[in-house]
N, C-alpha and C. Protein backbone atom coordinates (compact mmCIF):
# COMPACT_ATOMS: atom_id res chain seq x y z
N UNK A 1 27.18 43.95 11.25
CA UNK A 1 27.85 42.69 11.06
C UNK A 1 27.09 41.56 11.76
N UNK A 2 26.68 41.79 13.02
CA UNK A 2 25.98 40.78 13.78
C UNK A 2 24.67 40.39 13.10
N UNK A 3 23.95 41.38 12.59
CA UNK A 3 22.69 41.10 11.91
C UNK A 3 22.94 40.29 10.65
N UNK A 4 24.00 40.58 9.94
CA UNK A 4 24.33 39.85 8.72
C UNK A 4 24.66 38.39 9.02
N UNK A 5 25.42 38.15 10.07
CA UNK A 5 25.75 36.78 10.46
C UNK A 5 24.49 36.03 10.85
N UNK A 6 23.62 36.68 11.65
CA UNK A 6 22.36 36.06 12.04
C UNK A 6 21.53 35.73 10.81
N UNK A 7 21.45 36.64 9.88
CA UNK A 7 20.70 36.44 8.64
C UNK A 7 21.28 35.27 7.84
N UNK A 8 22.61 35.22 7.76
CA UNK A 8 23.26 34.13 7.04
C UNK A 8 22.97 32.78 7.70
N UNK A 9 23.01 32.73 9.03
CA UNK A 9 22.72 31.48 9.73
C UNK A 9 21.27 31.06 9.51
N UNK A 10 20.38 32.02 9.56
CA UNK A 10 18.96 31.72 9.34
C UNK A 10 18.76 31.18 7.93
N UNK A 11 19.42 31.78 6.95
CA UNK A 11 19.34 31.32 5.57
C UNK A 11 19.93 29.92 5.43
N UNK A 12 21.08 29.67 6.08
CA UNK A 12 21.71 28.35 6.03
C UNK A 12 20.79 27.29 6.61
N UNK A 13 20.13 27.60 7.73
CA UNK A 13 19.21 26.65 8.34
C UNK A 13 18.04 26.36 7.40
N UNK A 14 17.54 27.40 6.73
CA UNK A 14 16.45 27.22 5.79
C UNK A 14 16.89 26.32 4.63
N UNK A 15 18.08 26.59 4.08
CA UNK A 15 18.59 25.77 2.97
C UNK A 15 18.79 24.33 3.39
N UNK A 16 19.34 24.11 4.58
CA UNK A 16 19.54 22.76 5.08
C UNK A 16 18.20 22.06 5.27
N UNK A 17 17.25 22.78 5.84
CA UNK A 17 15.92 22.23 6.04
C UNK A 17 15.27 21.87 4.71
N UNK A 18 15.40 22.73 3.73
CA UNK A 18 14.84 22.47 2.40
C UNK A 18 15.51 21.27 1.74
N UNK A 19 16.82 21.20 1.87
CA UNK A 19 17.56 20.07 1.29
C UNK A 19 17.14 18.77 1.95
N UNK A 20 17.02 18.78 3.27
CA UNK A 20 16.62 17.57 3.99
C UNK A 20 15.21 17.17 3.60
N UNK A 21 14.31 18.12 3.48
CA UNK A 21 12.94 17.82 3.07
C UNK A 21 12.93 17.19 1.69
N UNK A 22 13.77 17.68 0.79
CA UNK A 22 13.85 17.11 -0.55
C UNK A 22 14.36 15.68 -0.51
N UNK A 23 15.37 15.43 0.30
CA UNK A 23 15.92 14.08 0.43
C UNK A 23 14.87 13.13 1.01
N UNK A 24 14.15 13.57 2.02
CA UNK A 24 13.15 12.72 2.65
C UNK A 24 11.97 12.42 1.74
N UNK A 25 11.70 13.28 0.77
CA UNK A 25 10.60 13.05 -0.16
C UNK A 25 10.93 11.99 -1.20
N UNK A 26 12.20 11.66 -1.35
CA UNK A 26 12.58 10.65 -2.34
C UNK A 26 12.02 9.31 -1.90
N UNK A 27 11.09 8.85 -2.65
CA UNK A 27 10.29 7.69 -2.28
C UNK A 27 11.09 6.40 -2.16
N UNK A 28 12.13 6.24 -2.94
CA UNK A 28 12.82 4.95 -2.98
C UNK A 28 13.92 4.80 -1.94
N UNK A 29 14.32 5.85 -1.28
CA UNK A 29 15.44 5.80 -0.34
C UNK A 29 14.98 5.65 1.10
N UNK A 30 15.67 4.78 1.84
CA UNK A 30 15.44 4.65 3.28
C UNK A 30 16.31 5.68 3.98
N UNK A 31 15.73 6.80 4.33
CA UNK A 31 16.46 7.89 4.95
C UNK A 31 15.78 8.25 6.26
N UNK A 32 16.60 8.50 7.29
CA UNK A 32 16.04 8.90 8.57
C UNK A 32 17.02 9.80 9.30
N UNK A 33 16.48 10.53 10.28
CA UNK A 33 17.29 11.40 11.13
C UNK A 33 16.90 11.08 12.57
N UNK A 34 17.93 10.84 13.42
CA UNK A 34 17.70 10.60 14.84
C UNK A 34 18.44 11.67 15.63
N UNK A 35 18.00 11.90 16.86
CA UNK A 35 18.75 12.79 17.74
C UNK A 35 19.73 11.97 18.57
N UNK A 36 20.49 12.62 19.43
CA UNK A 36 21.50 11.93 20.24
C UNK A 36 20.87 11.02 21.29
N UNK A 37 19.57 11.13 21.49
CA UNK A 37 18.86 10.24 22.40
C UNK A 37 18.28 9.04 21.70
N UNK A 38 18.65 8.86 20.43
CA UNK A 38 18.24 7.71 19.61
C UNK A 38 16.76 7.72 19.26
N UNK A 39 16.18 8.91 19.22
CA UNK A 39 14.77 9.07 18.87
C UNK A 39 14.70 9.61 17.44
N UNK A 40 13.85 8.99 16.63
CA UNK A 40 13.69 9.45 15.25
C UNK A 40 13.05 10.82 15.22
N UNK A 41 13.63 11.72 14.43
CA UNK A 41 13.08 13.05 14.24
C UNK A 41 12.29 13.15 12.95
N UNK A 42 12.74 12.43 11.92
CA UNK A 42 12.05 12.41 10.64
C UNK A 42 12.57 11.24 9.83
N UNK A 43 11.87 10.94 8.75
CA UNK A 43 12.27 9.83 7.89
C UNK A 43 11.55 9.96 6.55
N UNK A 44 12.04 9.20 5.60
CA UNK A 44 11.38 9.15 4.30
C UNK A 44 10.17 8.22 4.37
N UNK A 45 9.24 8.39 3.45
CA UNK A 45 8.08 7.50 3.41
C UNK A 45 8.52 6.06 3.17
N UNK A 46 9.56 5.86 2.35
CA UNK A 46 10.05 4.51 2.09
C UNK A 46 10.52 3.85 3.38
N UNK A 47 11.25 4.59 4.21
CA UNK A 47 11.69 4.05 5.50
C UNK A 47 10.49 3.72 6.37
N UNK A 48 9.52 4.62 6.42
CA UNK A 48 8.33 4.40 7.25
C UNK A 48 7.60 3.14 6.81
N UNK A 49 7.43 2.95 5.51
CA UNK A 49 6.74 1.76 5.01
C UNK A 49 7.53 0.50 5.35
N UNK A 50 8.86 0.55 5.20
CA UNK A 50 9.70 -0.60 5.52
C UNK A 50 9.56 -0.95 7.00
N UNK A 51 9.38 0.07 7.86
CA UNK A 51 9.24 -0.14 9.29
C UNK A 51 7.81 -0.52 9.69
N UNK A 52 6.94 -0.65 8.71
CA UNK A 52 5.58 -1.08 8.98
C UNK A 52 4.60 0.04 9.31
N UNK A 53 4.99 1.28 9.03
CA UNK A 53 4.11 2.42 9.28
C UNK A 53 3.46 2.87 7.99
N UNK A 54 2.43 3.68 8.12
CA UNK A 54 1.71 4.15 6.95
C UNK A 54 2.40 5.29 6.21
N UNK A 55 3.09 6.15 6.96
CA UNK A 55 3.75 7.29 6.33
C UNK A 55 4.85 7.83 7.25
N UNK A 56 5.65 8.71 6.69
CA UNK A 56 6.75 9.33 7.44
C UNK A 56 6.24 10.16 8.61
N UNK A 57 5.02 10.63 8.54
CA UNK A 57 4.46 11.44 9.62
C UNK A 57 4.33 10.65 10.93
N UNK A 58 4.35 9.32 10.85
CA UNK A 58 4.23 8.47 12.04
C UNK A 58 5.57 8.17 12.71
N UNK A 59 6.68 8.54 12.08
CA UNK A 59 8.01 8.19 12.57
C UNK A 59 8.50 9.05 13.74
N UNK A 60 8.36 10.38 13.69
CA UNK A 60 8.92 11.21 14.77
C UNK A 60 8.47 10.76 16.16
N UNK A 61 9.45 10.70 17.07
CA UNK A 61 9.16 10.31 18.44
C UNK A 61 9.35 8.84 18.72
N UNK A 62 9.52 8.05 17.69
CA UNK A 62 9.71 6.61 17.87
C UNK A 62 11.19 6.28 18.01
N UNK A 63 11.46 5.11 18.57
CA UNK A 63 12.83 4.60 18.65
C UNK A 63 12.90 3.30 17.85
N UNK A 64 14.10 2.76 17.71
CA UNK A 64 14.24 1.48 17.01
C UNK A 64 13.41 0.40 17.68
N UNK A 65 13.28 0.47 19.01
CA UNK A 65 12.52 -0.53 19.75
C UNK A 65 11.03 -0.45 19.48
N UNK A 66 10.56 0.70 19.02
CA UNK A 66 9.15 0.84 18.63
C UNK A 66 8.90 0.26 17.24
N UNK A 67 9.95 0.21 16.43
CA UNK A 67 9.78 -0.14 15.03
C UNK A 67 10.26 -1.52 14.62
N UNK A 68 11.21 -2.07 15.36
CA UNK A 68 11.86 -3.30 14.93
C UNK A 68 11.89 -4.33 16.05
N UNK A 69 12.07 -5.61 15.68
CA UNK A 69 12.25 -6.64 16.71
C UNK A 69 13.47 -6.31 17.58
N UNK A 70 13.46 -6.77 18.83
CA UNK A 70 14.48 -6.42 19.80
C UNK A 70 15.90 -6.70 19.31
N UNK A 71 16.13 -7.84 18.67
CA UNK A 71 17.50 -8.16 18.24
C UNK A 71 18.01 -7.17 17.20
N UNK A 72 17.14 -6.74 16.31
CA UNK A 72 17.55 -5.76 15.30
C UNK A 72 17.71 -4.38 15.95
N UNK A 73 16.77 -4.01 16.83
CA UNK A 73 16.87 -2.72 17.52
C UNK A 73 18.14 -2.65 18.36
N UNK A 74 18.50 -3.75 19.01
CA UNK A 74 19.75 -3.79 19.79
C UNK A 74 20.95 -3.51 18.90
N UNK A 75 20.97 -4.10 17.71
CA UNK A 75 22.08 -3.90 16.76
C UNK A 75 22.12 -2.44 16.31
N UNK A 76 20.99 -1.89 15.95
CA UNK A 76 20.95 -0.49 15.52
C UNK A 76 21.39 0.45 16.64
N UNK A 77 20.96 0.17 17.87
CA UNK A 77 21.34 1.02 19.01
C UNK A 77 22.86 0.95 19.24
N UNK A 78 23.42 -0.26 19.16
CA UNK A 78 24.87 -0.41 19.34
C UNK A 78 25.63 0.36 18.26
N UNK A 79 25.15 0.28 17.02
CA UNK A 79 25.77 1.02 15.92
C UNK A 79 25.69 2.53 16.16
N UNK A 80 24.53 3.00 16.62
CA UNK A 80 24.35 4.43 16.89
C UNK A 80 25.29 4.91 18.00
N UNK A 81 25.39 4.10 19.05
CA UNK A 81 26.29 4.47 20.16
C UNK A 81 27.73 4.55 19.68
N UNK A 82 28.15 3.58 18.86
CA UNK A 82 29.51 3.58 18.34
C UNK A 82 29.75 4.81 17.47
N UNK A 83 28.79 5.16 16.66
CA UNK A 83 28.90 6.35 15.82
C UNK A 83 29.07 7.60 16.67
N UNK A 84 28.26 7.73 17.72
CA UNK A 84 28.36 8.91 18.58
C UNK A 84 29.67 8.94 19.36
N UNK A 85 30.14 7.78 19.78
CA UNK A 85 31.39 7.73 20.56
C UNK A 85 32.62 8.00 19.72
N UNK A 86 32.64 7.49 18.49
CA UNK A 86 33.85 7.60 17.66
C UNK A 86 33.78 8.73 16.64
N UNK A 87 32.56 9.11 16.26
CA UNK A 87 32.40 10.13 15.22
C UNK A 87 32.68 9.60 13.82
N UNK A 88 32.91 8.31 13.71
CA UNK A 88 33.21 7.71 12.41
C UNK A 88 31.95 7.10 11.82
N UNK A 89 31.72 7.40 10.55
CA UNK A 89 30.55 6.86 9.87
C UNK A 89 30.83 5.41 9.45
N UNK A 90 29.77 4.72 9.18
CA UNK A 90 29.86 3.34 8.71
C UNK A 90 29.78 3.35 7.20
N UNK A 91 30.69 2.65 6.57
CA UNK A 91 30.67 2.55 5.11
C UNK A 91 30.72 1.09 4.71
N UNK A 92 29.97 0.75 3.70
CA UNK A 92 29.99 -0.61 3.18
C UNK A 92 29.29 -1.62 4.06
N UNK A 93 28.45 -1.14 4.97
CA UNK A 93 27.72 -2.05 5.86
C UNK A 93 26.33 -2.27 5.28
N UNK A 94 25.94 -3.51 5.23
CA UNK A 94 24.59 -3.85 4.79
C UNK A 94 23.79 -4.22 6.02
N UNK A 95 22.80 -3.41 6.34
CA UNK A 95 21.98 -3.66 7.52
C UNK A 95 20.87 -4.65 7.19
N UNK A 96 20.51 -5.43 8.18
CA UNK A 96 19.36 -6.34 8.02
C UNK A 96 18.09 -5.50 8.09
N UNK A 97 17.21 -5.73 7.14
CA UNK A 97 15.95 -5.00 7.11
C UNK A 97 14.81 -5.99 7.18
N UNK A 98 13.99 -5.91 8.20
CA UNK A 98 12.86 -6.84 8.31
C UNK A 98 11.72 -6.44 7.38
N UNK A 99 11.09 -7.45 6.82
CA UNK A 99 9.87 -7.22 6.04
C UNK A 99 8.70 -7.17 7.02
N UNK A 100 7.54 -6.80 6.53
CA UNK A 100 6.36 -6.72 7.39
C UNK A 100 6.00 -8.07 8.00
N UNK A 101 6.34 -9.17 7.29
CA UNK A 101 6.01 -10.51 7.81
C UNK A 101 7.10 -11.03 8.76
N UNK A 102 8.10 -10.19 9.08
CA UNK A 102 9.14 -10.58 10.01
C UNK A 102 10.38 -11.18 9.36
N UNK A 103 10.29 -11.54 8.09
CA UNK A 103 11.43 -12.08 7.37
C UNK A 103 12.41 -10.97 7.05
N UNK A 104 13.69 -11.30 7.01
CA UNK A 104 14.71 -10.29 6.71
C UNK A 104 15.08 -10.33 5.24
N UNK A 105 15.56 -9.19 4.78
CA UNK A 105 16.08 -9.13 3.41
C UNK A 105 17.35 -8.32 3.42
């Protein structure tokens, strides 16, 4: 029984990892994953380009402060803290996204 549960968990992790990899490959979506320390673990190429990077491979290990102007990073950090404290997701929120020239859209 224990081996079966372990095998099932390993399979679930693989499926989750595969699903996440598929989502991150979608070129048009701004998708990212952060840890509880507010550090990016992975992201889609579209997100990386929007943040001024060449590819998603450059995202891991960065924080909002590495990628965005301080005022925007402060807003994202406050949102992340609220999410972690309340456990409630944000719906219907339109985030400000800076362009490479610093203008927002």
